[in-house]
Amino acid sequence: MELAIRIQVEELPEGVFLATSDELPGLVAQGRTIAEALEIARDVARKLIEARREREGVPSLPTASERRSKTIVVAAW
């Protein structure tokens, strides 16, 4: 199963991009480009989901098939 989360990306005054997600608390990633911020966000999301899964079981996030726009696929199992 692939999980998908909605990511917000904003450009900071310093010229870097910040990626966060309201759906996955604790997800914060910064990159020099949008693509880099999203790549780092994907890695952070995987780690957060793994930690949550160890504590609580399967996280209650939408699957990739349930959502199509403005999301990144963060984990597959």
PDB file of N, CA and C in Angstrom:
ATOM      1  N   MET A   1       0.842  -1.170   0.000  1.00  0.00           N
ATOM      2  CA  MET A   1       0.000   0.000   0.000  1.00  0.00           C
ATOM      3  C   MET A   1       0.893   1.242   0.000  1.00  0.00           C
ATOM      4  N   GLU A   2       0.506   2.248  -0.756  1.00  0.00           N
ATOM      5  CA  GLU A   2       1.224   3.515  -0.750  1.00  0.00           C
ATOM      6  C   GLU A   2       0.390   4.539   0.004  1.00  0.00           C
ATOM      7  N   LEU A   3       1.037   5.312   0.874  1.00  0.00           N
ATOM      8  CA  LEU A   3       0.366   6.389   1.590  1.00  0.00           C
ATOM      9  C   LEU A   3       0.706   7.706   0.916  1.00  0.00           C
ATOM     10  N   ALA A   4      -0.235   8.633   0.949  1.00  0.00           N
ATOM     11  CA  ALA A   4      -0.020   9.945   0.343  1.00  0.00           C
ATOM     12  C   ALA A   4      -0.402  11.018   1.345  1.00  0.00           C
ATOM     13  N   ILE A   5       0.394  12.059   1.398  1.00  0.00           N
ATOM     14  CA  ILE A   5       0.076  13.177   2.286  1.00  0.00           C
ATOM     15  C   ILE A   5       0.182  14.478   1.498  1.00  0.00           C
ATOM     16  N   ARG A   6      -0.586  15.453   1.930  1.00  0.00           N
ATOM     17  CA  ARG A   6      -0.572  16.769   1.299  1.00  0.00           C
ATOM     18  C   ARG A   6       0.569  17.573   1.920  1.00  0.00           C
ATOM     19  N   ILE A   7       1.371  18.200   1.059  1.00  0.00           N
ATOM     20  CA  ILE A   7       2.541  18.974   1.487  1.00  0.00           C
ATOM     21  C   ILE A   7       2.353  20.434   1.064  1.00  0.00           C
ATOM     22  N   GLN A   8       2.678  21.346   1.960  1.00  0.00           N
ATOM     23  CA  GLN A   8       2.699  22.763   1.626  1.00  0.00           C
ATOM     24  C   GLN A   8       4.161  23.188   1.483  1.00  0.00           C
ATOM     25  N   VAL A   9       4.460  23.941   0.424  1.00  0.00           N
ATOM     26  CA  VAL A   9       5.818  24.436   0.215  1.00  0.00           C
ATOM     27  C   VAL A   9       5.749  25.946   0.100  1.00  0.00           C
ATOM     28  N   GLU A  10       6.625  26.612   0.853  1.00  0.00           N
ATOM     29  CA  GLU A  10       6.689  28.067   0.769  1.00  0.00           C
ATOM     30  C   GLU A  10       8.142  28.502   0.632  1.00  0.00           C
ATOM     31  N   GLU A  11       8.322  29.604  -0.079  1.00  0.00           N
ATOM     32  CA  GLU A  11       9.671  30.153  -0.226  1.00  0.00           C
ATOM     33  C   GLU A  11       9.914  31.124   0.925  1.00  0.00           C
ATOM     34  N   LEU A  12      11.015  30.927   1.616  1.00  0.00           N
ATOM     35  CA  LEU A  12      11.380  31.790   2.735  1.00  0.00           C
ATOM     36  C   LEU A  12      12.177  32.992   2.224  1.00  0.00           C
ATOM     37  N   PRO A  13      12.222  34.068   2.996  1.00  0.00           N
ATOM     38  CA  PRO A  13      12.963  35.258   2.572  1.00  0.00           C
ATOM     39  C   PRO A  13      14.442  34.981   2.270  1.00  0.00           C
ATOM     40  N   GLU A  14      14.993  33.947   2.901  1.00  0.00           N
ATOM     41  CA  GLU A  14      16.400  33.598   2.689  1.00  0.00           C
ATOM     42  C   GLU A  14      16.634  32.951   1.329  1.00  0.00           C
ATOM     43  N   GLY A  15      15.532  32.655   0.596  1.00  0.00           N
ATOM     44  CA  GLY A  15      15.657  32.050  -0.719  1.00  0.00           C
ATOM     45  C   GLY A  15      15.609  30.534  -0.727  1.00  0.00           C
ATOM     46  N   VAL A  16      15.324  29.923   0.409  1.00  0.00           N
ATOM     47  CA  VAL A  16      15.183  28.461   0.478  1.00  0.00           C
ATOM     48  C   VAL A  16      13.696  28.122   0.566  1.00  0.00           C
ATOM     49  N   PHE A  17      13.370  26.859   0.360  1.00  0.00           N
ATOM     50  CA  PHE A  17      11.987  26.411   0.370  1.00  0.00           C
ATOM     51  C   PHE A  17      11.731  25.541   1.592  1.00  0.00           C
ATOM     52  N   LEU A  18      10.591  25.773   2.230  1.00  0.00           N
ATOM     53  CA  LEU A  18      10.199  25.043   3.432  1.00  0.00           C
ATOM     54  C   LEU A  18       8.975  24.197   3.109  1.00  0.00           C
ATOM     55  N   ALA A  19       9.064  22.896   3.385  1.00  0.00           N
ATOM     56  CA  ALA A  19       7.953  21.975   3.171  1.00  0.00           C
ATOM     57  C   ALA A  19       7.432  21.505   4.519  1.00  0.00           C
ATOM     58  N   THR A  20       6.112  21.588   4.704  1.00  0.00           N
ATOM     59  CA  THR A  20       5.463  21.124   5.928  1.00  0.00           C
ATOM     60  C   THR A  20       4.171  20.397   5.549  1.00  0.00           C
ATOM     61  N   SER A  21       3.568  19.739   6.526  1.00  0.00           N
ATOM     62  CA  SER A  21       2.300  19.053   6.281  1.00  0.00           C
ATOM     63  C   SER A  21       1.421  19.141   7.511  1.00  0.00           C
ATOM     64  N   ASP A  22       0.190  19.591   7.323  1.00  0.00           N
ATOM     65  CA  ASP A  22      -0.783  19.602   8.411  1.00  0.00           C
ATOM     66  C   ASP A  22      -1.239  18.184   8.736  1.00  0.00           C
ATOM     67  N   GLU A  23      -1.131  17.283   7.766  1.00  0.00           N
ATOM     68  CA  GLU A  23      -1.595  15.908   7.946  1.00  0.00           C
ATOM     69  C   GLU A  23      -0.600  15.043   8.705  1.00  0.00           C
ATOM     70  N   LEU A  24       0.661  15.459   8.746  1.00  0.00           N
ATOM     71  CA  LEU A  24       1.693  14.676   9.425  1.00  0.00           C
ATOM     72  C   LEU A  24       2.495  15.610  10.324  1.00  0.00           C
ATOM     73  N   PRO A  25       2.013  15.824  11.555  1.00  0.00           N
ATOM     74  CA  PRO A  25       2.710  16.722  12.477  1.00  0.00           C
ATOM     75  C   PRO A  25       4.177  16.325  12.644  1.00  0.00           C
ATOM     76  N   GLY A  26       5.027  17.325  12.654  1.00  0.00           N
ATOM     77  CA  GLY A  26       6.451  17.082  12.812  1.00  0.00           C
ATOM     78  C   GLY A  26       7.210  17.085  11.497  1.00  0.00           C
ATOM     79  N   LEU A  27       6.481  17.042  10.378  1.00  0.00           N
ATOM     80  CA  LEU A  27       7.158  17.050   9.083  1.00  0.00           C
ATOM     81  C   LEU A  27       7.588  18.476   8.752  1.00  0.00           C
ATOM     82  N   VAL A  28       8.882  18.693   8.734  1.00  0.00           N
ATOM     83  CA  VAL A  28       9.474  19.971   8.357  1.00  0.00           C
ATOM     84  C   VAL A  28      10.721  19.650   7.550  1.00  0.00           C
ATOM     85  N   ALA A  29      10.798  20.207   6.337  1.00  0.00           N
ATOM     86  CA  ALA A  29      11.956  19.965   5.476  1.00  0.00           C
ATOM     87  C   ALA A  29      12.304  21.251   4.751  1.00  0.00           C
ATOM     88  N   GLN A  30      13.584  21.459   4.539  1.00  0.00           N
ATOM     89  CA  GLN A  30      14.059  22.667   3.877  1.00  0.00           C
ATOM     90  C   GLN A  30      15.006  22.270   2.759  1.00  0.00           C
ATOM     91  N   GLY A  31      14.890  22.952   1.616  1.00  0.00           N
ATOM     92  CA  GLY A  31      15.779  22.672   0.499  1.00  0.00           C
ATOM     93  C   GLY A  31      16.066  23.924  -0.306  1.00  0.00           C
ATOM     94  N   ARG A  32      17.117  23.841  -1.116  1.00  0.00           N
ATOM     95  CA  ARG A  32      17.481  24.978  -1.975  1.00  0.00           C
ATOM     96  C   ARG A  32      16.516  25.147  -3.143  1.00  0.00           C
ATOM     97  N   THR A  33      15.832  24.059  -3.510  1.00  0.00           N
ATOM     98  CA  THR A  33      14.830  24.097  -4.576  1.00  0.00           C
ATOM     99  C   THR A  33      13.562  23.416  -4.059  1.00  0.00           C
ATOM    100  N   ILE A  34      12.462  23.596  -4.777  1.00  0.00           N
ATOM    101  CA  ILE A  34      11.221  22.914  -4.398  1.00  0.00           C
ATOM    102  C   ILE A  34      11.428  21.410  -4.462  1.00  0.00           C
ATOM    103  N   ALA A  35      12.072  20.948  -5.520  1.00  0.00           N
ATOM    104  CA  ALA A  35      12.299  19.504  -5.673  1.00  0.00           C
ATOM    105  C   ALA A  35      13.119  18.949  -4.520  1.00  0.00           C
ATOM    106  N   GLU A  36      14.151  19.669  -4.107  1.00  0.00           N
ATOM    107  CA  GLU A  36      14.977  19.200  -2.996  1.00  0.00           C
ATOM    108  C   GLU A  36      14.175  19.186  -1.695  1.00  0.00           C
ATOM    109  N   ALA A  37      13.372  20.227  -1.461  1.00  0.00           N
ATOM    110  CA  ALA A  37      12.547  20.273  -0.245  1.00  0.00           C
ATOM    111  C   ALA A  37      11.568  19.101  -0.225  1.00  0.00           C
ATOM    112  N   LEU A  38      10.968  18.771  -1.375  1.00  0.00           N
ATOM    113  CA  LEU A  38      10.032  17.651  -1.437  1.00  0.00           C
ATOM    114  C   LEU A  38      10.731  16.314  -1.246  1.00  0.00           C
ATOM    115  N   GLU A  39      11.924  16.184  -1.790  1.00  0.00           N
ATOM    116  CA  GLU A  39      12.682  14.942  -1.622  1.00  0.00           C
ATOM    117  C   GLU A  39      13.019  14.722  -0.142  1.00  0.00           C
ATOM    118  N   ILE A  40      13.462  15.774   0.519  1.00  0.00           N
ATOM    119  CA  ILE A  40      13.780  15.680   1.944  1.00  0.00           C
ATOM    120  C   ILE A  40      12.500  15.425   2.742  1.00  0.00           C
ATOM    121  N   ALA A  41      11.405  16.088   2.361  1.00  0.00           N
ATOM    122  CA  ALA A  41      10.123  15.884   3.040  1.00  0.00           C
ATOM    123  C   ALA A  41       9.679  14.430   2.936  1.00  0.00           C
ATOM    124  N   ARG A  42       9.895  13.812   1.792  1.00  0.00           N
ATOM    125  CA  ARG A  42       9.522  12.404   1.612  1.00  0.00           C
ATOM    126  C   ARG A  42      10.306  11.523   2.588  1.00  0.00           C
ATOM    127  N   ASP A  43      11.608  11.788   2.719  1.00  0.00           N
ATOM    128  CA  ASP A  43      12.430  11.002   3.646  1.00  0.00           C
ATOM    129  C   ASP A  43      11.995  11.204   5.095  1.00  0.00           C
ATOM    130  N   VAL A  44      11.735  12.446   5.465  1.00  0.00           N
ATOM    131  CA  VAL A  44      11.289  12.747   6.830  1.00  0.00           C
ATOM    132  C   VAL A  44       9.941  12.079   7.089  1.00  0.00           C
ATOM    133  N   ALA A  45       9.033  12.154   6.124  1.00  0.00           N
ATOM    134  CA  ALA A  45       7.711  11.547   6.275  1.00  0.00           C
ATOM    135  C   ALA A  45       7.815  10.048   6.484  1.00  0.00           C
ATOM    136  N   ARG A  46       8.678   9.394   5.730  1.00  0.00           N
ATOM    137  CA  ARG A  46       8.854   7.947   5.899  1.00  0.00           C
ATOM    138  C   ARG A  46       9.283   7.619   7.326  1.00  0.00           C
ATOM    139  N   LYS A  47      10.228   8.389   7.839  1.00  0.00           N
ATOM    140  CA  LYS A  47      10.719   8.138   9.193  1.00  0.00           C
ATOM    141  C   LYS A  47       9.635   8.404  10.237  1.00  0.00           C
ATOM    142  N   LEU A  48       8.880   9.471  10.052  1.00  0.00           N
ATOM    143  CA  LEU A  48       7.793   9.769  10.989  1.00  0.00           C
ATOM    144  C   LEU A  48       6.720   8.684  10.947  1.00  0.00           C
ATOM    145  N   ILE A  49       6.375   8.226   9.758  1.00  0.00           N
ATOM    146  CA  ILE A  49       5.356   7.188   9.620  1.00  0.00           C
ATOM    147  C   ILE A  49       5.842   5.876  10.222  1.00  0.00           C
ATOM    148  N   GLU A  50       7.112   5.532   9.988  1.00  0.00           N
ATOM    149  CA  GLU A  50       7.671   4.312  10.593  1.00  0.00           C
ATOM    150  C   GLU A  50       7.599   4.379  12.115  1.00  0.00           C
ATOM    151  N   ALA A  51       7.974   5.526  12.683  1.00  0.00           N
ATOM    152  CA  ALA A  51       7.942   5.682  14.138  1.00  0.00           C
ATOM    153  C   ALA A  51       6.509   5.582  14.653  1.00  0.00           C
ATOM    154  N   ARG A  52       5.568   6.209  13.960  1.00  0.00           N
ATOM    155  CA  ARG A  52       4.168   6.157  14.369  1.00  0.00           C
ATOM    156  C   ARG A  52       3.639   4.731  14.261  1.00  0.00           C
ATOM    157  N   ARG A  53       4.025   4.040  13.191  1.00  0.00           N
ATOM    158  CA  ARG A  53       3.564   2.664  13.002  1.00  0.00           C
ATOM    159  C   ARG A  53       4.081   1.749  14.114  1.00  0.00           C
ATOM    160  N   GLU A  54       5.315   1.963  14.556  1.00  0.00           N
ATOM    161  CA  GLU A  54       5.866   1.158  15.646  1.00  0.00           C
ATOM    162  C   GLU A  54       5.110   1.389  16.952  1.00  0.00           C
ATOM    163  N   ARG A  55       4.674   2.634  17.168  1.00  0.00           N
ATOM    164  CA  ARG A  55       3.959   2.969  18.403  1.00  0.00           C
ATOM    165  C   ARG A  55       2.479   2.613  18.339  1.00  0.00           C
ATOM    166  N   GLU A  56       1.832   2.910  17.192  1.00  0.00           N
ATOM    167  CA  GLU A  56       0.367   2.862  17.135  1.00  0.00           C
ATOM    168  C   GLU A  56      -0.203   1.874  16.126  1.00  0.00           C
ATOM    169  N   GLY A  57       0.609   1.267  15.311  1.00  0.00           N
ATOM    170  CA  GLY A  57       0.092   0.430  14.229  1.00  0.00           C
ATOM    171  C   GLY A  57       0.050   1.214  12.930  1.00  0.00           C
ATOM    172  N   VAL A  58      -0.791   0.816  12.014  1.00  0.00           N
ATOM    173  CA  VAL A  58      -0.864   1.465  10.695  1.00  0.00           C
ATOM    174  C   VAL A  58      -1.397   2.884  10.845  1.00  0.00           C
ATOM    175  N   PRO A  59      -0.663   3.887  10.306  1.00  0.00           N
ATOM    176  CA  PRO A  59      -1.128   5.275  10.414  1.00  0.00           C
ATOM    177  C   PRO A  59      -2.396   5.494   9.604  1.00  0.00           C
ATOM    178  N   SER A  60      -3.244   6.385  10.062  1.00  0.00           N
ATOM    179  CA  SER A  60      -4.489   6.677   9.356  1.00  0.00           C
ATOM    180  C   SER A  60      -4.285   7.838   8.395  1.00  0.00           C
ATOM    181  N   LEU A  61      -3.594   7.570   7.308  1.00  0.00           N
ATOM    182  CA  LEU A  61      -3.374   8.548   6.254  1.00  0.00           C
ATOM    183  C   LEU A  61      -4.011   8.021   4.982  1.00  0.00           C
ATOM    184  N   PRO A  62      -4.418   8.916   4.068  1.00  0.00           N
ATOM    185  CA  PRO A  62      -5.032   8.455   2.821  1.00  0.00           C
ATOM    186  C   PRO A  62      -4.041   7.652   1.982  1.00  0.00           C
ATOM    187  N   THR A  63      -4.563   6.696   1.230  1.00  0.00           N
ATOM    188  CA  THR A  63      -3.708   5.960   0.306  1.00  0.00           C
ATOM    189  C   THR A  63      -3.540   6.783  -0.960  1.00  0.00           C
ATOM    190  N   ALA A  64      -2.520   6.456  -1.745  1.00  0.00           N
ATOM    191  CA  ALA A  64      -2.252   7.180  -2.983  1.00  0.00           C
ATOM    192  C   ALA A  64      -3.422   7.086  -3.943  1.00  0.00           C
ATOM    193  N   SER A  65      -4.139   5.975  -3.946  1.00  0.00           N
ATOM    194  CA  SER A  65      -5.267   5.822  -4.861  1.00  0.00           C
ATOM    195  C   SER A  65      -6.461   6.682  -4.452  1.00  0.00           C
ATOM    196  N   GLU A  66      -6.530   7.071  -3.179  1.00  0.00           N
ATOM    197  CA  GLU A  66      -7.630   7.906  -2.695  1.00  0.00           C
ATOM    198  C   GLU A  66      -7.410   9.387  -2.986  1.00  0.00           C
ATOM    199  N   ARG A  67      -6.197   9.762  -3.291  1.00  0.00           N
ATOM    200  CA  ARG A  67      -5.876  11.168  -3.486  1.00  0.00           C
ATOM    201  C   ARG A  67      -4.936  11.308  -4.668  1.00  0.00           C
ATOM    202  N   ARG A  68      -5.164  12.293  -5.494  1.00  0.00           N
ATOM    203  CA  ARG A  68      -4.355  12.433  -6.703  1.00  0.00           C
ATOM    204  C   ARG A  68      -3.579  13.748  -6.799  1.00  0.00           C
ATOM    205  N   SER A  69      -4.118  14.865  -6.321  1.00  0.00           N
ATOM    206  CA  SER A  69      -3.468  16.145  -6.580  1.00  0.00           C
ATOM    207  C   SER A  69      -2.739  16.685  -5.355  1.00  0.00           C
ATOM    208  N   LYS A  70      -1.652  17.388  -5.599  1.00  0.00           N
ATOM    209  CA  LYS A  70      -0.879  18.089  -4.568  1.00  0.00           C
ATOM    210  C   LYS A  70      -0.453  17.172  -3.426  1.00  0.00           C
ATOM    211  N   THR A  71      -0.019  15.991  -3.757  1.00  0.00           N
ATOM    212  CA  THR A  71       0.441  15.068  -2.736  1.00  0.00           C
ATOM    213  C   THR A  71       1.746  14.426  -3.178  1.00  0.00           C
ATOM    214  N   ILE A  72       2.452  13.867  -2.236  1.00  0.00           N
ATOM    215  CA  ILE A  72       3.596  13.044  -2.567  1.00  0.00           C
ATOM    216  C   ILE A  72       3.375  11.672  -1.946  1.00  0.00           C
ATOM    217  N   VAL A  73       3.815  10.668  -2.634  1.00  0.00           N
ATOM    218  CA  VAL A  73       3.756   9.327  -2.074  1.00  0.00           C
ATOM    219  C   VAL A  73       4.949   9.182  -1.144  1.00  0.00           C
ATOM    220  N   VAL A  74       4.697   8.804   0.091  1.00  0.00           N
ATOM    221  CA  VAL A  74       5.775   8.791   1.075  1.00  0.00           C
ATOM    222  C   VAL A  74       6.234   7.404   1.467  1.00  0.00           C
ATOM    223  N   ALA A  75       5.399   6.407   1.312  1.00  0.00           N
ATOM    224  CA  ALA A  75       5.810   5.073   1.733  1.00  0.00           C
ATOM    225  C   ALA A  75       4.998   4.029   0.989  1.00  0.00           C
ATOM    226  N   ALA A  76       5.641   2.928   0.744  1.00  0.00           N
ATOM    227  CA  ALA A  76       4.944   1.821   0.104  1.00  0.00           C
ATOM    228  C   ALA A  76       5.209   0.564   0.907  1.00  0.00           C
ATOM    229  N   TRP A  77       4.153  -0.228   1.183  1.00  0.00           N
ATOM    230  CA  TRP A  77       4.300  -1.527   1.815  1.00  0.00           C
ATOM    231  C   TRP A  77       3.107  -2.367   1.512  1.00  0.00           C
TER     232      TRP A  77
END
